[in-house]
Amino acid sequence: LPDAAILILAHCVDWFYRGFNHIVDGSDGEWIFPQVRIGKIVAQLKKSNPDCPTWQDFNRIVKEVGEWWGEPGLDADAVAEWMHGKL
């Protein structure tokens, strides 16, 4: 189960950058809510499954979308920080 959840969240990050950010006007701050929720879930999964090998796949997926978006070095730790509103 952690493997599937980790990969689903990686694709949620991808969706956030490639989809959500293109359809929502974030000037009013509404954009932060999905990001904070994704960050909280990733942080909890990292805490409960820190050695799961699927984190390598997660990091590969989010690194790719981060580079596409202009946010190099995006990884699970950076996404987990989203729960604090760190963008």
PDB file of N, CA and C in Angstrom:
ATOM      1  N   LEU A   1       0.804  -1.209   0.000  1.00  0.00           N
ATOM      2  CA  LEU A   1       0.000   0.000   0.000  1.00  0.00           C
ATOM      3  C   LEU A   1       0.847   1.274   0.000  1.00  0.00           C
ATOM      4  N   PRO A   2       1.929   1.351   0.780  1.00  0.00           N
ATOM      5  CA  PRO A   2       2.722   2.588   0.719  1.00  0.00           C
ATOM      6  C   PRO A   2       3.276   2.859  -0.674  1.00  0.00           C
ATOM      7  N   ASP A   3       3.660   1.790  -1.396  1.00  0.00           N
ATOM      8  CA  ASP A   3       4.210   1.987  -2.741  1.00  0.00           C
ATOM      9  C   ASP A   3       3.202   2.687  -3.650  1.00  0.00           C
ATOM     10  N   ALA A   4       1.973   2.205  -3.636  1.00  0.00           N
ATOM     11  CA  ALA A   4       0.936   2.802  -4.490  1.00  0.00           C
ATOM     12  C   ALA A   4       0.656   4.240  -4.072  1.00  0.00           C
ATOM     13  N   ALA A   5       0.558   4.485  -2.779  1.00  0.00           N
ATOM     14  CA  ALA A   5       0.278   5.841  -2.291  1.00  0.00           C
ATOM     15  C   ALA A   5       1.398   6.802  -2.679  1.00  0.00           C
ATOM     16  N   ILE A   6       2.629   6.360  -2.559  1.00  0.00           N
ATOM     17  CA  ILE A   6       3.779   7.212  -2.904  1.00  0.00           C
ATOM     18  C   ILE A   6       3.740   7.580  -4.383  1.00  0.00           C
ATOM     19  N   LEU A   7       3.466   6.604  -5.242  1.00  0.00           N
ATOM     20  CA  LEU A   7       3.406   6.893  -6.678  1.00  0.00           C
ATOM     21  C   LEU A   7       2.205   7.771  -7.025  1.00  0.00           C
ATOM     22  N   ILE A   8       1.088   7.546  -6.380  1.00  0.00           N
ATOM     23  CA  ILE A   8      -0.086   8.404  -6.616  1.00  0.00           C
ATOM     24  C   ILE A   8       0.245   9.845  -6.257  1.00  0.00           C
ATOM     25  N   LEU A   9       0.922  10.047  -5.150  1.00  0.00           N
ATOM     26  CA  LEU A   9       1.274  11.409  -4.741  1.00  0.00           C
ATOM     27  C   LEU A   9       2.283  12.042  -5.688  1.00  0.00           C
ATOM     28  N   ALA A  10       3.189  11.257  -6.213  1.00  0.00           N
ATOM     29  CA  ALA A  10       4.121  11.801  -7.209  1.00  0.00           C
ATOM     30  C   ALA A  10       3.339  12.339  -8.404  1.00  0.00           C
ATOM     31  N   HIS A  11       2.334  11.604  -8.823  1.00  0.00           N
ATOM     32  CA  HIS A  11       1.519  12.057  -9.955  1.00  0.00           C
ATOM     33  C   HIS A  11       0.613  13.222  -9.559  1.00  0.00           C
ATOM     34  N   CYS A  12       0.264  13.328  -8.288  1.00  0.00           N
ATOM     35  CA  CYS A  12      -0.480  14.509  -7.809  1.00  0.00           C
ATOM     36  C   CYS A  12       0.387  15.756  -7.923  1.00  0.00           C
ATOM     37  N   VAL A  13       1.666  15.625  -7.596  1.00  0.00           N
ATOM     38  CA  VAL A  13       2.588  16.759  -7.740  1.00  0.00           C
ATOM     39  C   VAL A  13       2.686  17.148  -9.211  1.00  0.00           C
ATOM     40  N   ASP A  14       2.823  16.144 -10.071  1.00  0.00           N
ATOM     41  CA  ASP A  14       2.878  16.410 -11.504  1.00  0.00           C
ATOM     42  C   ASP A  14       1.610  17.128 -11.954  1.00  0.00           C
ATOM     43  N   TRP A  15       0.443  16.624 -11.533  1.00  0.00           N
ATOM     44  CA  TRP A  15      -0.833  17.267 -11.875  1.00  0.00           C
ATOM     45  C   TRP A  15      -0.896  18.693 -11.354  1.00  0.00           C
ATOM     46  N   PHE A  16      -0.394  18.917 -10.145  1.00  0.00           N
ATOM     47  CA  PHE A  16      -0.429  20.257  -9.569  1.00  0.00           C
ATOM     48  C   PHE A  16       0.281  21.249 -10.483  1.00  0.00           C
ATOM     49  N   TYR A  17       1.476  20.868 -10.952  1.00  0.00           N
ATOM     50  CA  TYR A  17       2.237  21.784 -11.803  1.00  0.00           C
ATOM     51  C   TYR A  17       1.701  21.854 -13.226  1.00  0.00           C
ATOM     52  N   ARG A  18       1.427  20.709 -13.835  1.00  0.00           N
ATOM     53  CA  ARG A  18       1.065  20.684 -15.255  1.00  0.00           C
ATOM     54  C   ARG A  18      -0.405  20.962 -15.519  1.00  0.00           C
ATOM     55  N   GLY A  19      -1.260  20.732 -14.536  1.00  0.00           N
ATOM     56  CA  GLY A  19      -2.694  20.910 -14.736  1.00  0.00           C
ATOM     57  C   GLY A  19      -3.274  22.034 -13.914  1.00  0.00           C
ATOM     58  N   PHE A  20      -3.278  21.853 -12.615  1.00  0.00           N
ATOM     59  CA  PHE A  20      -3.922  22.790 -11.709  1.00  0.00           C
ATOM     60  C   PHE A  20      -3.421  24.218 -11.895  1.00  0.00           C
ATOM     61  N   ASN A  21      -2.134  24.418 -11.961  1.00  0.00           N
ATOM     62  CA  ASN A  21      -1.577  25.767 -12.093  1.00  0.00           C
ATOM     63  C   ASN A  21      -1.962  26.441 -13.406  1.00  0.00           C
ATOM     64  N   HIS A  22      -2.384  25.662 -14.371  1.00  0.00           N
ATOM     65  CA  HIS A  22      -2.770  26.237 -15.652  1.00  0.00           C
ATOM     66  C   HIS A  22      -4.255  26.572 -15.734  1.00  0.00           C
ATOM     67  N   ILE A  23      -5.057  26.010 -14.824  1.00  0.00           N
ATOM     68  CA  ILE A  23      -6.497  26.267 -14.904  1.00  0.00           C
ATOM     69  C   ILE A  23      -7.010  27.148 -13.782  1.00  0.00           C
ATOM     70  N   VAL A  24      -6.192  27.391 -12.767  1.00  0.00           N
ATOM     71  CA  VAL A  24      -6.634  28.181 -11.620  1.00  0.00           C
ATOM     72  C   VAL A  24      -5.821  29.468 -11.543  1.00  0.00           C
ATOM     73  N   ASP A  25      -6.520  30.570 -11.387  1.00  0.00           N
ATOM     74  CA  ASP A  25      -5.861  31.858 -11.170  1.00  0.00           C
ATOM     75  C   ASP A  25      -5.460  31.916  -9.702  1.00  0.00           C
ATOM     76  N   GLY A  26      -4.172  31.810  -9.422  1.00  0.00           N
ATOM     77  CA  GLY A  26      -3.701  31.762  -8.047  1.00  0.00           C
ATOM     78  C   GLY A  26      -3.480  33.110  -7.398  1.00  0.00           C
ATOM     79  N   SER A  27      -3.877  34.180  -8.047  1.00  0.00           N
ATOM     80  CA  SER A  27      -3.601  35.502  -7.494  1.00  0.00           C
ATOM     81  C   SER A  27      -4.330  35.759  -6.180  1.00  0.00           C
ATOM     82  N   ASP A  28      -5.380  34.994  -5.911  1.00  0.00           N
ATOM     83  CA  ASP A  28      -6.123  35.207  -4.664  1.00  0.00           C
ATOM     84  C   ASP A  28      -5.702  34.232  -3.564  1.00  0.00           C
ATOM     85  N   GLY A  29      -4.693  33.401  -3.806  1.00  0.00           N
ATOM     86  CA  GLY A  29      -4.188  32.487  -2.790  1.00  0.00           C
ATOM     87  C   GLY A  29      -4.854  31.134  -2.769  1.00  0.00           C
ATOM     88  N   GLU A  30      -5.870  30.905  -3.591  1.00  0.00           N
ATOM     89  CA  GLU A  30      -6.583  29.630  -3.597  1.00  0.00           C
ATOM     90  C   GLU A  30      -5.682  28.466  -3.979  1.00  0.00           C
ATOM     91  N   TRP A  31      -4.652  28.729  -4.715  1.00  0.00           N
ATOM     92  CA  TRP A  31      -3.770  27.677  -5.213  1.00  0.00           C
ATOM     93  C   TRP A  31      -3.019  26.953  -4.104  1.00  0.00           C
ATOM     94  N   ILE A  32      -2.857  27.543  -2.943  1.00  0.00           N
ATOM     95  CA  ILE A  32      -2.027  26.940  -1.910  1.00  0.00           C
ATOM     96  C   ILE A  32      -2.681  25.718  -1.254  1.00  0.00           C
ATOM     97  N   PHE A  33      -3.990  25.615  -1.251  1.00  0.00           N
ATOM     98  CA  PHE A  33      -4.648  24.530  -0.528  1.00  0.00           C
ATOM     99  C   PHE A  33      -4.293  23.142  -1.042  1.00  0.00           C
ATOM    100  N   PRO A  34      -4.351  22.863  -2.359  1.00  0.00           N
ATOM    101  CA  PRO A  34      -3.943  21.520  -2.801  1.00  0.00           C
ATOM    102  C   PRO A  34      -2.482  21.234  -2.464  1.00  0.00           C
ATOM    103  N   GLN A  35      -1.647  22.227  -2.566  1.00  0.00           N
ATOM    104  CA  GLN A  35      -0.232  22.047  -2.303  1.00  0.00           C
ATOM    105  C   GLN A  35       0.008  21.688  -0.837  1.00  0.00           C
ATOM    106  N   VAL A  36      -0.647  22.355   0.081  1.00  0.00           N
ATOM    107  CA  VAL A  36      -0.481  22.069   1.503  1.00  0.00           C
ATOM    108  C   VAL A  36      -0.966  20.654   1.814  1.00  0.00           C
ATOM    109  N   ARG A  37      -2.073  20.274   1.238  1.00  0.00           N
ATOM    110  CA  ARG A  37      -2.604  18.922   1.485  1.00  0.00           C
ATOM    111  C   ARG A  37      -1.663  17.856   0.953  1.00  0.00           C
ATOM    112  N   ILE A  38      -1.152  18.032  -0.258  1.00  0.00           N
ATOM    113  CA  ILE A  38      -0.191  17.077  -0.815  1.00  0.00           C
ATOM    114  C   ILE A  38       1.029  16.999   0.101  1.00  0.00           C
ATOM    115  N   GLY A  39       1.526  18.141   0.544  1.00  0.00           N
ATOM    116  CA  GLY A  39       2.691  18.165   1.428  1.00  0.00           C
ATOM    117  C   GLY A  39       2.465  17.414   2.727  1.00  0.00           C
ATOM    118  N   LYS A  40       1.288  17.567   3.309  1.00  0.00           N
ATOM    119  CA  LYS A  40       0.980  16.867   4.566  1.00  0.00           C
ATOM    120  C   LYS A  40       0.967  15.359   4.371  1.00  0.00           C
ATOM    121  N   ILE A  41       0.382  14.903   3.291  1.00  0.00           N
ATOM    122  CA  ILE A  41       0.322  13.467   3.040  1.00  0.00           C
ATOM    123  C   ILE A  41       1.715  12.912   2.772  1.00  0.00           C
ATOM    124  N   VAL A  42       2.509  13.624   1.971  1.00  0.00           N
ATOM    125  CA  VAL A  42       3.875  13.171   1.689  1.00  0.00           C
ATOM    126  C   VAL A  42       4.687  13.134   2.976  1.00  0.00           C
ATOM    127  N   ALA A  43       4.559  14.154   3.806  1.00  0.00           N
ATOM    128  CA  ALA A  43       5.301  14.188   5.069  1.00  0.00           C
ATOM    129  C   ALA A  43       4.934  12.993   5.949  1.00  0.00           C
ATOM    130  N   GLN A  44       3.654  12.663   6.020  1.00  0.00           N
ATOM    131  CA  GLN A  44       3.222  11.528   6.836  1.00  0.00           C
ATOM    132  C   GLN A  44       3.741  10.209   6.266  1.00  0.00           C
ATOM    133  N   LEU A  45       3.677  10.051   4.952  1.00  0.00           N
ATOM    134  CA  LEU A  45       4.199   8.828   4.336  1.00  0.00           C
ATOM    135  C   LEU A  45       5.706   8.710   4.525  1.00  0.00           C
ATOM    136  N   LYS A  46       6.414   9.832   4.427  1.00  0.00           N
ATOM    137  CA  LYS A  46       7.868   9.808   4.652  1.00  0.00           C
ATOM    138  C   LYS A  46       8.171   9.397   6.085  1.00  0.00           C
ATOM    139  N   LYS A  47       7.366   9.874   7.017  1.00  0.00           N
ATOM    140  CA  LYS A  47       7.577   9.555   8.428  1.00  0.00           C
ATOM    141  C   LYS A  47       7.316   8.072   8.701  1.00  0.00           C
ATOM    142  N   SER A  48       6.254   7.538   8.112  1.00  0.00           N
ATOM    143  CA  SER A  48       5.888   6.152   8.397  1.00  0.00           C
ATOM    144  C   SER A  48       6.583   5.123   7.497  1.00  0.00           C
ATOM    145  N   ASN A  49       7.122   5.554   6.367  1.00  0.00           N
ATOM    146  CA  ASN A  49       7.773   4.643   5.415  1.00  0.00           C
ATOM    147  C   ASN A  49       9.048   5.263   4.848  1.00  0.00           C
ATOM    148  N   PRO A  50       9.977   5.658   5.701  1.00  0.00           N
ATOM    149  CA  PRO A  50      11.135   6.409   5.207  1.00  0.00           C
ATOM    150  C   PRO A  50      12.063   5.608   4.294  1.00  0.00           C
ATOM    151  N   ASP A  51      12.096   4.309   4.439  1.00  0.00           N
ATOM    152  CA  ASP A  51      13.035   3.496   3.666  1.00  0.00           C
ATOM    153  C   ASP A  51      12.407   2.799   2.472  1.00  0.00           C
ATOM    154  N   CYS A  52      11.176   3.153   2.145  1.00  0.00           N
ATOM    155  CA  CYS A  52      10.494   2.526   1.019  1.00  0.00           C
ATOM    156  C   CYS A  52      11.249   2.867  -0.274  1.00  0.00           C
ATOM    157  N   PRO A  53      11.619   1.851  -1.043  1.00  0.00           N
ATOM    158  CA  PRO A  53      12.365   2.128  -2.279  1.00  0.00           C
ATOM    159  C   PRO A  53      11.581   2.940  -3.313  1.00  0.00           C
ATOM    160  N   THR A  54      10.281   3.016  -3.160  1.00  0.00           N
ATOM    161  CA  THR A  54       9.458   3.767  -4.117  1.00  0.00           C
ATOM    162  C   THR A  54       9.732   5.263  -4.048  1.00  0.00           C
ATOM    163  N   TRP A  55      10.348   5.730  -2.972  1.00  0.00           N
ATOM    164  CA  TRP A  55      10.711   7.153  -2.903  1.00  0.00           C
ATOM    165  C   TRP A  55      11.661   7.529  -4.036  1.00  0.00           C
ATOM    166  N   GLN A  56      12.445   6.572  -4.523  1.00  0.00           N
ATOM    167  CA  GLN A  56      13.324   6.860  -5.667  1.00  0.00           C
ATOM    168  C   GLN A  56      12.491   7.205  -6.897  1.00  0.00           C
ATOM    169  N   ASP A  57      11.405   6.451  -7.121  1.00  0.00           N
ATOM    170  CA  ASP A  57      10.520   6.748  -8.249  1.00  0.00           C
ATOM    171  C   ASP A  57       9.817   8.087  -8.037  1.00  0.00           C
ATOM    172  N   PHE A  58       9.353   8.330  -6.808  1.00  0.00           N
ATOM    173  CA  PHE A  58       8.715   9.596  -6.478  1.00  0.00           C
ATOM    174  C   PHE A  58       9.659  10.750  -6.824  1.00  0.00           C
ATOM    175  N   ASN A  59      10.898  10.658  -6.351  1.00  0.00           N
ATOM    176  CA  ASN A  59      11.860  11.734  -6.590  1.00  0.00           C
ATOM    177  C   ASN A  59      12.151  11.929  -8.068  1.00  0.00           C
ATOM    178  N   ARG A  60      12.191  10.848  -8.823  1.00  0.00           N
ATOM    179  CA  ARG A  60      12.437  10.964 -10.267  1.00  0.00           C
ATOM    180  C   ARG A  60      11.284  11.712 -10.939  1.00  0.00           C
ATOM    181  N   ILE A  61      10.053  11.357 -10.581  1.00  0.00           N
ATOM    182  CA  ILE A  61       8.877  11.988 -11.188  1.00  0.00           C
ATOM    183  C   ILE A  61       8.801  13.469 -10.821  1.00  0.00           C
ATOM    184  N   VAL A  62       8.958  13.792  -9.538  1.00  0.00           N
ATOM    185  CA  VAL A  62       8.809  15.196  -9.147  1.00  0.00           C
ATOM    186  C   VAL A  62      10.015  16.033  -9.579  1.00  0.00           C
ATOM    187  N   LYS A  63      11.183  15.414  -9.685  1.00  0.00           N
ATOM    188  CA  LYS A  63      12.343  16.152 -10.194  1.00  0.00           C
ATOM    189  C   LYS A  63      12.098  16.576 -11.644  1.00  0.00           C
ATOM    190  N   GLU A  64      11.554  15.652 -12.420  1.00  0.00           N
ATOM    191  CA  GLU A  64      11.270  15.962 -13.821  1.00  0.00           C
ATOM    192  C   GLU A  64      10.265  17.103 -13.953  1.00  0.00           C
ATOM    193  N   VAL A  65       9.168  17.041 -13.203  1.00  0.00           N
ATOM    194  CA  VAL A  65       8.174  18.107 -13.316  1.00  0.00           C
ATOM    195  C   VAL A  65       8.709  19.406 -12.723  1.00  0.00           C
ATOM    196  N   GLY A  66       9.530  19.308 -11.686  1.00  0.00           N
ATOM    197  CA  GLY A  66      10.141  20.508 -11.115  1.00  0.00           C
ATOM    198  C   GLY A  66      11.041  21.217 -12.111  1.00  0.00           C
ATOM    199  N   GLU A  67      11.817  20.435 -12.840  1.00  0.00           N
ATOM    200  CA  GLU A  67      12.683  21.030 -13.871  1.00  0.00           C
ATOM    201  C   GLU A  67      11.845  21.640 -14.984  1.00  0.00           C
ATOM    202  N   TRP A  68      10.759  20.953 -15.361  1.00  0.00           N
ATOM    203  CA  TRP A  68       9.867  21.482 -16.396  1.00  0.00           C
ATOM    204  C   TRP A  68       9.264  22.812 -15.945  1.00  0.00           C
ATOM    205  N   TRP A  69       8.913  22.912 -14.663  1.00  0.00           N
ATOM    206  CA  TRP A  69       8.278  24.107 -14.120  1.00  0.00           C
ATOM    207  C   TRP A  69       9.291  25.218 -13.835  1.00  0.00           C
ATOM    208  N   GLY A  70      10.558  24.864 -13.683  1.00  0.00           N
ATOM    209  CA  GLY A  70      11.575  25.855 -13.327  1.00  0.00           C
ATOM    210  C   GLY A  70      11.919  25.818 -11.852  1.00  0.00           C
ATOM    211  N   GLU A  71      11.675  24.695 -11.228  1.00  0.00           N
ATOM    212  CA  GLU A  71      11.979  24.507  -9.812  1.00  0.00           C
ATOM    213  C   GLU A  71      12.907  23.298  -9.677  1.00  0.00           C
ATOM    214  N   PRO A  72      14.181  23.473 -10.042  1.00  0.00           N
ATOM    215  CA  PRO A  72      15.108  22.341 -10.018  1.00  0.00           C
ATOM    216  C   PRO A  72      15.338  21.825  -8.599  1.00  0.00           C
ATOM    217  N   GLY A  73      15.628  20.529  -8.520  1.00  0.00           N
ATOM    218  CA  GLY A  73      15.935  19.927  -7.226  1.00  0.00           C
ATOM    219  C   GLY A  73      14.718  19.521  -6.418  1.00  0.00           C
ATOM    220  N   LEU A  74      13.529  19.542  -7.012  1.00  0.00           N
ATOM    221  CA  LEU A  74      12.325  19.143  -6.295  1.00  0.00           C
ATOM    222  C   LEU A  74      12.426  17.660  -5.938  1.00  0.00           C
ATOM    223  N   ASP A  75      12.142  17.342  -4.679  1.00  0.00           N
ATOM    224  CA  ASP A  75      12.164  15.958  -4.220  1.00  0.00           C
ATOM    225  C   ASP A  75      11.146  15.787  -3.100  1.00  0.00           C
ATOM    226  N   ALA A  76      11.106  14.586  -2.516  1.00  0.00           N
ATOM    227  CA  ALA A  76      10.113  14.286  -1.484  1.00  0.00           C
ATOM    228  C   ALA A  76      10.245  15.208  -0.276  1.00  0.00           C
ATOM    229  N   ASP A  77      11.457  15.522   0.118  1.00  0.00           N
ATOM    230  CA  ASP A  77      11.637  16.407   1.273  1.00  0.00           C
ATOM    231  C   ASP A  77      11.093  17.808   0.988  1.00  0.00           C
ATOM    232  N   ALA A  78      11.345  18.307  -0.218  1.00  0.00           N
ATOM    233  CA  ALA A  78      10.834  19.635  -0.580  1.00  0.00           C
ATOM    234  C   ALA A  78       9.313  19.625  -0.651  1.00  0.00           C
ATOM    235  N   VAL A  79       8.737  18.567  -1.186  1.00  0.00           N
ATOM    236  CA  VAL A  79       7.280  18.475  -1.268  1.00  0.00           C
ATOM    237  C   VAL A  79       6.682  18.380   0.136  1.00  0.00           C
ATOM    238  N   ALA A  80       7.313  17.624   1.022  1.00  0.00           N
ATOM    239  CA  ALA A  80       6.822  17.517   2.398  1.00  0.00           C
ATOM    240  C   ALA A  80       6.792  18.882   3.079  1.00  0.00           C
ATOM    241  N   GLU A  81       7.705  19.756   2.722  1.00  0.00           N
ATOM    242  CA  GLU A  81       7.732  21.110   3.306  1.00  0.00           C
ATOM    243  C   GLU A  81       6.556  21.963   2.839  1.00  0.00           C
ATOM    244  N   TRP A  82       5.890  21.549   1.780  1.00  0.00           N
ATOM    245  CA  TRP A  82       4.725  22.290   1.314  1.00  0.00           C
ATOM    246  C   TRP A  82       3.682  22.393   2.410  1.00  0.00           C
ATOM    247  N   MET A  83       3.647  21.444   3.323  1.00  0.00           N
ATOM    248  CA  MET A  83       2.632  21.467   4.375  1.00  0.00           C
ATOM    249  C   MET A  83       2.758  22.708   5.247  1.00  0.00           C
ATOM    250  N   HIS A  84       3.913  23.339   5.203  1.00  0.00           N
ATOM    251  CA  HIS A  84       4.148  24.559   5.974  1.00  0.00           C
ATOM    252  C   HIS A  84       3.947  25.813   5.116  1.00  0.00           C
ATOM    253  N   GLY A  85       3.447  25.606   3.895  1.00  0.00           N
ATOM    254  CA  GLY A  85       3.247  26.728   2.979  1.00  0.00           C
ATOM    255  C   GLY A  85       4.530  27.203   2.344  1.00  0.00           C
ATOM    256  N   LYS A  86       5.586  26.382   2.408  1.00  0.00           N
ATOM    257  CA  LYS A  86       6.857  26.741   1.780  1.00  0.00           C
ATOM    258  C   LYS A  86       6.806  26.357   0.311  1.00  0.00           C
ATOM    259  N   LEU A  87       6.835  27.347  -0.526  1.00  0.00           N
ATOM    260  CA  LEU A  87       6.676  27.099  -1.958  1.00  0.00           C
ATOM    261  C   LEU A  87       7.973  27.257  -2.689  1.00  0.00           C
TER     262      LEU A  87
END
